[in-house]
């Protein structure tokens, strides 16, 4: 998950429809419209409502048509993953500028997306999405003054799950985090299925070998906790534990992410969610080693 060449002339502003801009936004240099390119692919933030709709359609395809999520009526009617948080988030998009329609015409297509919610924006609205599953209040209180970024709703079109597309998503995420001076990235990461016993190996591995330090711990909301230490620590083989993880959680783990103690079952999406914590100062060295510096000096490689 990894590097591209990116332009950094800060000469264009991207505004999400109806989104408030904070004083810190106004004072900061502006992000360029396009964050990076690699071949026919482009990485940028959603600039218009129709861009967000395209991201929602991709999410619907991945989460509902391919995954185990159960669509509510409104989402099923429009075939989009609808979520009220979308209105206050930034949406990172990977676009294939030369995608082909069934009739062979060239038409740009959103093939990857990440949803981003900064702490100061969350504070002015309904909080973080993760707070519906985990109690973040003690974490935020312990680290008052730190800039948090919640990442989520990550997905890639099934026909585009190559190293190149995932590289673009992660490079865009890094550019965004550095631009906004983010201190900590957080979010819910999902394991497929709602039976904890069937997920005993990956859950136990994360609990025993990738648990966050106490200062970064959060707990599931009252009544929603699912124990993660299902298998005795001595019986969890590291290689098998890693192999049992979904690709996104493996990637987080390689970057040095840690995980809170306690999972939550999300019946709507058919997943078991764990809370991920990635302090920038702890992952920066690994990130730069893999992606190159934030200025994009390291060149991309094709998948």
Protein backbone atom coordinates (compact mmCIF):
# COMPACT_ATOMS: atom_id res chain seq x y z
CA UNK A 1 0.00 0.00 0.00
CA UNK A 2 2.22 2.72 -1.22
CA UNK A 3 4.05 5.51 -3.28
CA UNK A 4 3.22 7.93 -6.08
CA UNK A 5 4.55 11.13 -7.54
CA UNK A 6 2.43 14.08 -6.43
CA UNK A 7 2.19 17.78 -7.35
CA UNK A 8 2.47 20.14 -4.39
CA UNK A 9 1.72 23.62 -5.72
CA UNK A 10 -0.87 24.80 -3.20
CA UNK A 11 -2.92 26.84 -5.65
CA UNK A 12 -6.46 25.43 -5.57
CA UNK A 13 -9.11 24.90 -2.91
CA UNK A 14 -11.51 21.99 -2.66
CA UNK A 15 -14.62 22.54 -0.62
CA UNK A 16 -17.08 19.84 0.36
CA UNK A 17 -20.73 20.88 -0.22
CA UNK A 18 -22.22 22.66 2.81
CA UNK A 19 -19.17 21.87 4.94
CA UNK A 20 -18.07 24.46 7.48
CA UNK A 21 -14.48 25.62 7.37
CA UNK A 22 -12.75 26.06 10.70
CA UNK A 23 -10.37 28.92 11.57
CA UNK A 24 -7.49 26.46 11.23
CA UNK A 25 -8.65 25.66 7.69
CA UNK A 26 -8.61 29.33 6.76
CA UNK A 27 -5.11 29.82 8.12
CA UNK A 28 -3.59 26.74 6.50
CA UNK A 29 -2.13 26.58 2.98
CA UNK A 30 -4.64 25.14 0.55
CA UNK A 31 -4.43 21.59 -0.71
CA UNK A 32 -4.12 21.23 -4.49
CA UNK A 33 -7.13 19.88 -6.36
CA UNK A 34 -5.14 16.84 -7.51
CA UNK A 35 -3.00 15.15 -4.85
CA UNK A 36 -1.21 12.75 -7.16
CA UNK A 37 -1.18 10.85 -10.45
CA UNK A 38 0.09 7.48 -11.57
CA UNK A 39 -0.53 6.39 -15.15
CA UNK A 40 -4.24 6.71 -15.88
CA UNK A 41 -5.04 7.13 -12.18
CA UNK A 42 -5.59 10.32 -10.22
CA UNK A 43 -5.99 10.87 -6.49
CA UNK A 44 -7.98 13.85 -5.23
CA UNK A 45 -10.60 15.00 -2.74
CA UNK A 46 -14.27 15.10 -3.65
CA UNK A 47 -15.11 18.62 -4.81
CA UNK A 48 -18.80 18.30 -5.65
CA UNK A 49 -21.86 16.44 -4.41
CA UNK A 50 -21.75 14.18 -7.46
CA UNK A 51 -18.23 13.09 -6.48
CA UNK A 52 -19.53 11.95 -3.10
CA UNK A 53 -22.42 10.14 -4.79
CA UNK A 54 -19.92 8.22 -6.91
CA UNK A 55 -18.00 7.23 -3.77
CA UNK A 56 -21.27 6.10 -2.17
CA UNK A 57 -22.08 3.96 -5.22
CA UNK A 58 -18.69 2.28 -5.01
CA UNK A 59 -19.17 1.65 -1.30
CA UNK A 60 -22.59 0.14 -2.00
CA UNK A 61 -21.10 -2.23 -4.57
CA UNK A 62 -18.34 -3.36 -2.23
CA UNK A 63 -20.17 -3.44 1.12
CA UNK A 64 -23.67 -4.49 0.05
CA UNK A 65 -23.40 -6.32 -3.24
CA UNK A 66 -20.12 -8.09 -2.52
CA UNK A 67 -20.05 -8.01 1.26
CA UNK A 68 -22.45 -9.00 4.00
CA UNK A 69 -24.04 -5.59 4.66
CA UNK A 70 -27.85 -5.36 4.75
CA UNK A 71 -29.10 -2.32 2.87
CA UNK A 72 -31.82 -0.14 4.31
CA UNK A 73 -34.63 0.76 1.95
CA UNK A 74 -33.36 4.23 1.05
CA UNK A 75 -29.87 2.91 0.24
CA UNK A 76 -31.25 0.01 -1.77
CA UNK A 77 -33.46 2.32 -3.85
CA UNK A 78 -30.58 4.54 -4.96
CA UNK A 79 -27.89 1.82 -4.73
CA UNK A 80 -25.65 4.06 -2.65
CA UNK A 81 -24.17 3.61 0.83
CA UNK A 82 -25.94 6.48 2.56
CA UNK A 83 -24.59 7.83 5.84
CA UNK A 84 -25.29 11.20 7.54
CA UNK A 85 -21.59 11.55 8.36
CA UNK A 86 -20.80 11.92 4.66
CA UNK A 87 -21.96 15.55 4.79
CA UNK A 88 -19.24 16.58 7.24
CA UNK A 89 -16.39 14.40 5.96
CA UNK A 90 -13.78 14.80 3.28
CA UNK A 91 -13.75 12.02 0.70
CA UNK A 92 -10.51 10.82 -0.83
CA UNK A 93 -11.00 9.42 -4.33
CA UNK A 94 -8.92 7.37 -6.74
CA UNK A 95 -10.16 7.94 -10.28
CA UNK A 96 -9.36 5.99 -13.44
CA UNK A 97 -9.34 8.77 -16.01
CA UNK A 98 -9.49 6.32 -18.91
CA UNK A 99 -12.02 3.79 -17.68
CA UNK A 100 -14.18 2.25 -20.39
CA UNK A 101 -17.96 2.05 -20.44
CA UNK A 102 -19.71 -1.16 -21.62
CA UNK A 103 -19.94 0.54 -25.05
CA UNK A 104 -16.22 1.17 -25.14
CA UNK A 105 -16.29 4.89 -24.45
CA UNK A 106 -13.80 6.57 -22.14
CA UNK A 107 -15.36 7.88 -18.93
CA UNK A 108 -13.59 8.74 -15.63
CA UNK A 109 -14.55 6.33 -12.85
CA UNK A 110 -14.13 6.35 -9.06
CA UNK A 111 -12.36 3.08 -8.24
CA UNK A 112 -11.18 3.68 -4.67
CA UNK A 113 -12.24 5.83 -1.73
CA UNK A 114 -11.48 6.72 1.89
CA UNK A 115 -13.66 8.83 4.20
CA UNK A 116 -11.84 11.33 6.42
CA UNK A 117 -13.18 13.16 9.48
CA UNK A 118 -10.95 15.59 11.38
CA UNK A 119 -11.39 16.10 15.09
CA UNK A 120 -12.27 19.80 14.95
CA UNK A 121 -15.02 19.07 12.43
CA UNK A 122 -16.35 16.19 14.53
CA UNK A 123 -16.49 18.44 17.59
CA UNK A 124 -18.76 20.92 15.80
CA UNK A 125 -21.18 18.23 14.69
CA UNK A 126 -22.11 14.78 15.98
CA UNK A 127 -18.67 13.54 17.01
CA UNK A 128 -16.80 10.71 15.33
CA UNK A 129 -18.56 7.83 13.60
CA UNK A 130 -16.56 5.45 15.81
CA UNK A 131 -18.32 6.81 18.88
CA UNK A 132 -21.43 4.84 17.93
CA UNK A 133 -19.43 1.71 18.80
CA UNK A 134 -16.64 2.82 21.14
CA UNK A 135 -16.45 5.27 24.04
CA UNK A 136 -13.83 7.76 22.87
CA UNK A 137 -14.39 10.38 25.58
CA UNK A 138 -11.58 9.16 27.90
CA UNK A 139 -9.15 8.89 24.95
CA UNK A 140 -9.89 12.41 23.73
CA UNK A 141 -9.63 13.78 27.28
CA UNK A 142 -6.22 12.15 27.84
CA UNK A 143 -4.89 13.65 24.62
CA UNK A 144 -6.50 17.05 24.67
CA UNK A 145 -4.80 19.30 22.15
CA UNK A 146 -3.81 16.51 19.79
CA UNK A 147 -5.30 16.56 16.30
CA UNK A 148 -7.26 13.39 15.52
CA UNK A 149 -8.27 12.09 12.10
CA UNK A 150 -10.86 9.34 11.77
CA UNK A 151 -10.44 7.19 8.67
CA UNK A 152 -13.05 4.76 7.43
CA UNK A 153 -15.37 3.51 4.68
CA UNK A 154 -12.27 2.42 2.77
CA UNK A 155 -12.86 0.32 -0.33
CA UNK A 156 -11.55 -0.42 -3.81
CA UNK A 157 -13.54 -1.57 -6.83
CA UNK A 158 -13.15 -5.37 -7.25
CA UNK A 159 -11.64 -4.98 -10.73
CA UNK A 160 -9.03 -2.50 -9.46
CA UNK A 161 -7.59 -4.20 -6.40
CA UNK A 162 -4.01 -3.79 -7.52
CA UNK A 163 -1.02 -2.49 -5.63
CA UNK A 164 -1.08 0.70 -7.70
CA UNK A 165 -4.59 1.79 -6.69
CA UNK A 166 -4.01 1.03 -3.01
CA UNK A 167 -0.72 2.96 -3.19
CA UNK A 168 -2.61 5.99 -4.41
CA UNK A 169 -5.16 5.81 -1.59
CA UNK A 170 -2.48 5.57 1.06
CA UNK A 171 -0.31 8.28 -0.43
CA UNK A 172 -3.35 10.57 -0.58
CA UNK A 173 -4.17 9.78 3.04
CA UNK A 174 -0.61 10.61 4.09
CA UNK A 175 -0.58 13.91 2.17
CA UNK A 176 -3.90 14.87 3.79
CA UNK A 177 -2.73 13.94 7.29
CA UNK A 178 0.52 15.86 6.96
CA UNK A 179 -1.22 18.89 5.48
CA UNK A 180 -3.65 19.12 8.41
CA UNK A 181 -0.90 18.39 10.97
CA UNK A 182 -2.68 15.28 12.23
CA UNK A 183 -1.23 13.69 15.37
CA UNK A 184 -3.31 10.50 15.53
CA UNK A 185 -5.28 8.48 13.00
CA UNK A 186 -8.12 6.39 14.41
CA UNK A 187 -11.04 4.36 13.15
CA UNK A 188 -13.04 1.15 13.15
CA UNK A 189 -11.52 -1.71 11.17
CA UNK A 190 -13.68 -4.68 10.27
CA UNK A 191 -13.32 -8.43 10.23
CA UNK A 192 -15.94 -10.22 8.09
CA UNK A 193 -18.62 -12.07 10.04
CA UNK A 194 -20.52 -11.62 13.29
CA UNK A 195 -19.53 -14.83 15.11
CA UNK A 196 -16.61 -14.06 17.46
CA UNK A 197 -15.80 -17.76 17.87
CA UNK A 198 -15.24 -18.04 14.12
CA UNK A 199 -12.88 -15.06 14.42
CA UNK A 200 -11.12 -16.35 17.54
CA UNK A 201 -7.67 -16.50 15.91
CA UNK A 202 -7.46 -12.96 14.43
CA UNK A 203 -9.17 -11.38 17.45
CA UNK A 204 -6.89 -13.16 19.91
CA UNK A 205 -3.82 -12.28 17.85
CA UNK A 206 -4.70 -8.56 17.88
CA UNK A 207 -5.44 -8.64 21.60
CA UNK A 208 -2.29 -10.53 22.58
CA UNK A 209 0.27 -9.15 20.14
CA UNK A 210 -0.96 -5.78 18.89
CA UNK A 211 -2.74 -4.25 21.86
CA UNK A 212 -2.48 -0.50 22.36
CA UNK A 213 -0.79 0.98 25.42
CA UNK A 214 -3.17 2.06 28.18
CA UNK A 215 -2.92 5.75 27.22
CA UNK A 216 -4.44 4.88 23.81
CA UNK A 217 -7.04 2.38 24.96
CA UNK A 218 -10.77 2.81 24.44
CA UNK A 219 -13.64 0.55 25.49
CA UNK A 220 -16.71 -0.53 23.52
CA UNK A 221 -19.94 1.27 24.31
CA UNK A 222 -21.86 -0.21 27.24
CA UNK A 223 -23.42 -3.55 26.41
CA UNK A 224 -21.65 -3.95 23.07
CA UNK A 225 -18.27 -5.41 24.09
CA UNK A 226 -17.11 -8.68 22.57
CA UNK A 227 -14.02 -10.20 24.27
CA UNK A 228 -11.00 -10.56 21.99
CA UNK A 229 -8.79 -12.85 24.12
CA UNK A 230 -10.64 -16.00 23.09
CA UNK A 231 -7.56 -18.19 22.59
CA UNK A 232 -4.80 -18.38 25.20
CA UNK A 233 -1.86 -16.16 24.27
CA UNK A 234 0.59 -19.08 24.27
CA UNK A 235 -1.52 -20.89 21.68
CA UNK A 236 -1.65 -18.00 19.19
CA UNK A 237 0.95 -18.50 16.47
CA UNK A 238 1.98 -15.13 14.99
CA UNK A 239 2.23 -16.26 11.37
CA UNK A 240 -1.21 -17.84 11.41
CA UNK A 241 -2.66 -14.87 13.29
CA UNK A 242 -1.45 -12.41 10.66
CA UNK A 243 -2.63 -14.66 7.83
CA UNK A 244 -6.15 -14.67 9.31
CA UNK A 245 -6.43 -10.86 9.20
CA UNK A 246 -8.22 -8.94 6.41
CA UNK A 247 -5.83 -7.08 4.04
CA UNK A 248 -6.62 -3.62 5.43
CA UNK A 249 -5.89 -4.62 9.03
CA UNK A 250 -2.68 -6.33 7.87
CA UNK A 251 -1.65 -3.05 6.24
CA UNK A 252 -2.42 -1.07 9.40
CA UNK A 253 -0.43 -3.59 11.42
CA UNK A 254 2.61 -3.30 9.11
CA UNK A 255 2.58 0.46 9.65
CA UNK A 256 2.68 -0.02 13.41
CA UNK A 257 -1.01 0.37 14.27
CA UNK A 258 -2.26 -0.84 17.63
CA UNK A 259 -5.72 -2.01 18.61
CA UNK A 260 -8.02 -1.44 21.56
CA UNK A 261 -9.14 -4.29 23.80
CA UNK A 262 -12.70 -5.23 22.94
CA UNK A 263 -14.56 -5.68 19.67
CA UNK A 264 -18.08 -4.69 18.59
CA UNK A 265 -20.45 -6.56 16.30
CA UNK A 266 -21.96 -4.47 13.50
CA UNK A 267 -25.01 -6.41 12.36
CA UNK A 268 -25.89 -3.94 9.60
CA UNK A 269 -22.56 -4.49 7.86
CA UNK A 270 -22.14 -8.12 8.92
CA UNK A 271 -18.77 -7.45 10.54
CA UNK A 272 -16.93 -7.54 13.84
CA UNK A 273 -15.19 -4.20 14.39
CA UNK A 274 -11.99 -3.42 16.25
CA UNK A 275 -10.73 0.05 17.11
CA UNK A 276 -7.46 1.09 15.46
CA UNK A 277 -5.02 3.68 16.80
CA UNK A 278 -2.13 5.05 14.71
CA UNK A 279 -0.15 7.88 16.38
CA UNK A 280 1.69 9.63 13.55
CA UNK A 281 4.98 9.87 15.46
CA UNK A 282 4.97 6.09 15.92
CA UNK A 283 4.23 5.18 12.30
CA UNK A 284 5.98 8.00 10.42
CA UNK A 285 9.31 6.21 10.01
CA UNK A 286 7.70 3.11 8.57
CA UNK A 287 5.41 5.15 6.36
CA UNK A 288 8.23 7.21 4.87
CA UNK A 289 10.40 4.13 4.42
CA UNK A 290 7.66 2.55 2.35
CA UNK A 291 6.17 5.58 0.56
CA UNK A 292 9.07 7.99 0.43
CA UNK A 293 8.94 11.44 1.99
CA UNK A 294 5.74 13.55 2.03
CA UNK A 295 7.11 15.52 -0.93
CA UNK A 296 6.73 12.47 -3.11
CA UNK A 297 10.41 11.94 -3.97
CA UNK A 298 10.00 8.18 -4.08
CA UNK A 299 8.61 7.15 -7.47
CA UNK A 300 5.67 4.85 -7.89
CA UNK A 301 5.87 1.32 -9.19
CA UNK A 302 3.24 -0.47 -11.18
CA UNK A 303 1.44 -3.41 -9.68
